[in-house]
Amino acid sequence: MKDSIKVCIRLRPPSAMEQANGDEVVVHQLRENTLSVTTGEGKPNLECAYGAVLGSECGQEDVFKAVVGTVEG
C-alpha cells in the first residue's frame, strides 16, 4: 500500500439559475490544495486542505491529469 486516501476537490462554477438569482459564491480555491468557505458575516472563513483542489475553470481533462497517477483499478 503506497499511501492513504487522497481527496481531490473540484469546485463547480455557479449554475445559470444561481447566477440569475445573484447567489454568492462561498467556496474559493486559495492554493492548489486549499479552499476557503465563507461562513457568514462577522465569522471567520473556514480553510480546508486536501490532496488537490481544482478550481471551477477546470475541465474533465484537468481532473484526469490530477488523479491519473493515484487511481488504481
C-alpha atoms as a PDB file:
ATOM      1  CA  MET A   1       0.000   0.000   0.000  1.00  0.00           C
ATOM      2  CA  LYS A   2       1.561   3.285  -1.139  1.00  0.00           C
ATOM      3  CA  ASP A   3      -0.472   5.969   0.621  1.00  0.00           C
ATOM      4  CA  SER A   4      -3.678   6.514   2.423  1.00  0.00           C
ATOM      5  CA  ILE A   5      -6.636   8.147   0.704  1.00  0.00           C
ATOM      6  CA  LYS A   6      -6.031  11.276  -1.345  1.00  0.00           C
ATOM      7  CA  VAL A   7      -9.074  13.544  -1.667  1.00  0.00           C
ATOM      8  CA  CYS A   8      -9.386  15.714  -4.754  1.00  0.00           C
ATOM      9  CA  ILE A   9     -11.999  18.503  -4.685  1.00  0.00           C
ATOM     10  CA  ARG A  10     -13.381  20.020  -7.882  1.00  0.00           C
ATOM     11  CA  LEU A  11     -15.219  23.305  -7.438  1.00  0.00           C
ATOM     12  CA  ARG A  12     -18.061  23.697  -9.876  1.00  0.00           C
ATOM     13  CA  PRO A  13     -18.988  27.009 -11.479  1.00  0.00           C
ATOM     14  CA  PRO A  14     -22.291  28.602 -10.480  1.00  0.00           C
ATOM     15  CA  SER A  15     -25.297  27.272 -12.398  1.00  0.00           C
ATOM     16  CA  ALA A  16     -27.326  29.552 -14.659  1.00  0.00           C
ATOM     17  CA  MET A  17     -30.083  29.660 -12.036  1.00  0.00           C
ATOM     18  CA  GLU A  18     -27.626  30.560  -9.270  1.00  0.00           C
ATOM     19  CA  GLN A  19     -26.217  33.342 -11.434  1.00  0.00           C
ATOM     20  CA  ALA A  20     -29.699  34.635 -12.326  1.00  0.00           C
ATOM     21  CA  ASN A  21     -30.649  34.659  -8.635  1.00  0.00           C
ATOM     22  CA  GLY A  22     -27.470  36.569  -7.784  1.00  0.00           C
ATOM     23  CA  ASP A  23     -26.369  33.829  -5.404  1.00  0.00           C
ATOM     24  CA  GLU A  24     -22.977  34.428  -3.829  1.00  0.00           C
ATOM     25  CA  VAL A  25     -20.073  32.053  -4.426  1.00  0.00           C
ATOM     26  CA  VAL A  26     -18.943  30.945  -0.970  1.00  0.00           C
ATOM     27  CA  VAL A  27     -16.238  28.391  -1.817  1.00  0.00           C
ATOM     28  CA  HIS A  28     -12.960  29.639  -3.297  1.00  0.00           C
ATOM     29  CA  GLN A  29      -9.688  27.970  -4.208  1.00  0.00           C
ATOM     30  CA  LEU A  30      -6.812  29.549  -2.277  1.00  0.00           C
ATOM     31  CA  ARG A  31      -3.933  27.325  -3.377  1.00  0.00           C
ATOM     32  CA  GLU A  32      -3.505  24.103  -5.332  1.00  0.00           C
ATOM     33  CA  ASN A  33      -4.537  22.111  -2.251  1.00  0.00           C
ATOM     34  CA  THR A  34      -6.533  24.586  -0.137  1.00  0.00           C
ATOM     35  CA  LEU A  35     -10.014  26.060  -0.307  1.00  0.00           C
ATOM     36  CA  SER A  36     -11.903  28.641   1.719  1.00  0.00           C
ATOM     37  CA  VAL A  37     -15.577  28.540   2.688  1.00  0.00           C
ATOM     38  CA  THR A  38     -17.267  31.829   3.566  1.00  0.00           C
ATOM     39  CA  THR A  39     -19.239  31.076   6.716  1.00  0.00           C
ATOM     40  CA  GLY A  40     -21.218  34.303   7.184  1.00  0.00           C
ATOM     41  CA  GLU A  41     -20.968  37.912   8.230  1.00  0.00           C
ATOM     42  CA  GLY A  42     -18.576  38.503  11.060  1.00  0.00           C
ATOM     43  CA  LYS A  43     -17.457  34.895  11.178  1.00  0.00           C
ATOM     44  CA  PRO A  44     -14.012  33.748  10.047  1.00  0.00           C
ATOM     45  CA  ASN A  45     -13.778  31.808   6.819  1.00  0.00           C
ATOM     46  CA  LEU A  46     -13.167  28.084   7.095  1.00  0.00           C
ATOM     47  CA  GLU A  47      -9.985  26.909   5.345  1.00  0.00           C
ATOM     48  CA  CYS A  48      -9.550  23.243   4.397  1.00  0.00           C
ATOM     49  CA  ALA A  49      -6.610  21.409   2.831  1.00  0.00           C
ATOM     50  CA  TYR A  50      -6.948  18.381   0.536  1.00  0.00           C
ATOM     51  CA  GLY A  51      -4.754  16.327  -1.751  1.00  0.00           C
ATOM     52  CA  ALA A  52      -5.765  18.674  -4.570  1.00  0.00           C
ATOM     53  CA  VAL A  53      -8.290  21.456  -5.154  1.00  0.00           C
ATOM     54  CA  LEU A  54      -9.350  22.131  -8.730  1.00  0.00           C
ATOM     55  CA  GLY A  55     -10.965  25.488  -9.458  1.00  0.00           C
ATOM     56  CA  SER A  56     -14.267  25.998 -11.243  1.00  0.00           C
ATOM     57  CA  GLU A  57     -12.430  26.721 -14.507  1.00  0.00           C
ATOM     58  CA  CYS A  58     -11.011  23.173 -14.595  1.00  0.00           C
ATOM     59  CA  GLY A  59     -12.476  20.704 -17.034  1.00  0.00           C
ATOM     60  CA  GLN A  60     -12.669  16.927 -17.109  1.00  0.00           C
ATOM     61  CA  GLU A  61      -9.208  16.645 -18.659  1.00  0.00           C
ATOM     62  CA  ASP A  62      -7.731  18.631 -15.763  1.00  0.00           C
ATOM     63  CA  VAL A  63      -9.427  16.287 -13.288  1.00  0.00           C
ATOM     64  CA  PHE A  64      -7.999  13.270 -15.107  1.00  0.00           C
ATOM     65  CA  LYS A  65      -4.485  14.764 -15.039  1.00  0.00           C
ATOM     66  CA  ALA A  66      -4.798  15.414 -11.303  1.00  0.00           C
ATOM     67  CA  VAL A  67      -5.763  11.835 -10.441  1.00  0.00           C
ATOM     68  CA  VAL A  68      -4.191   9.682 -13.171  1.00  0.00           C
ATOM     69  CA  GLY A  69      -1.187   8.714 -11.054  1.00  0.00           C
ATOM     70  CA  THR A  70      -3.228   7.852  -7.977  1.00  0.00           C
ATOM     71  CA  VAL A  71      -6.201   5.870  -9.319  1.00  0.00           C
ATOM     72  CA  GLU A  72      -5.784   2.109  -9.299  1.00  0.00           C
ATOM     73  CA  GLY A  73      -8.130  -0.443 -10.645  1.00  0.00           C
END
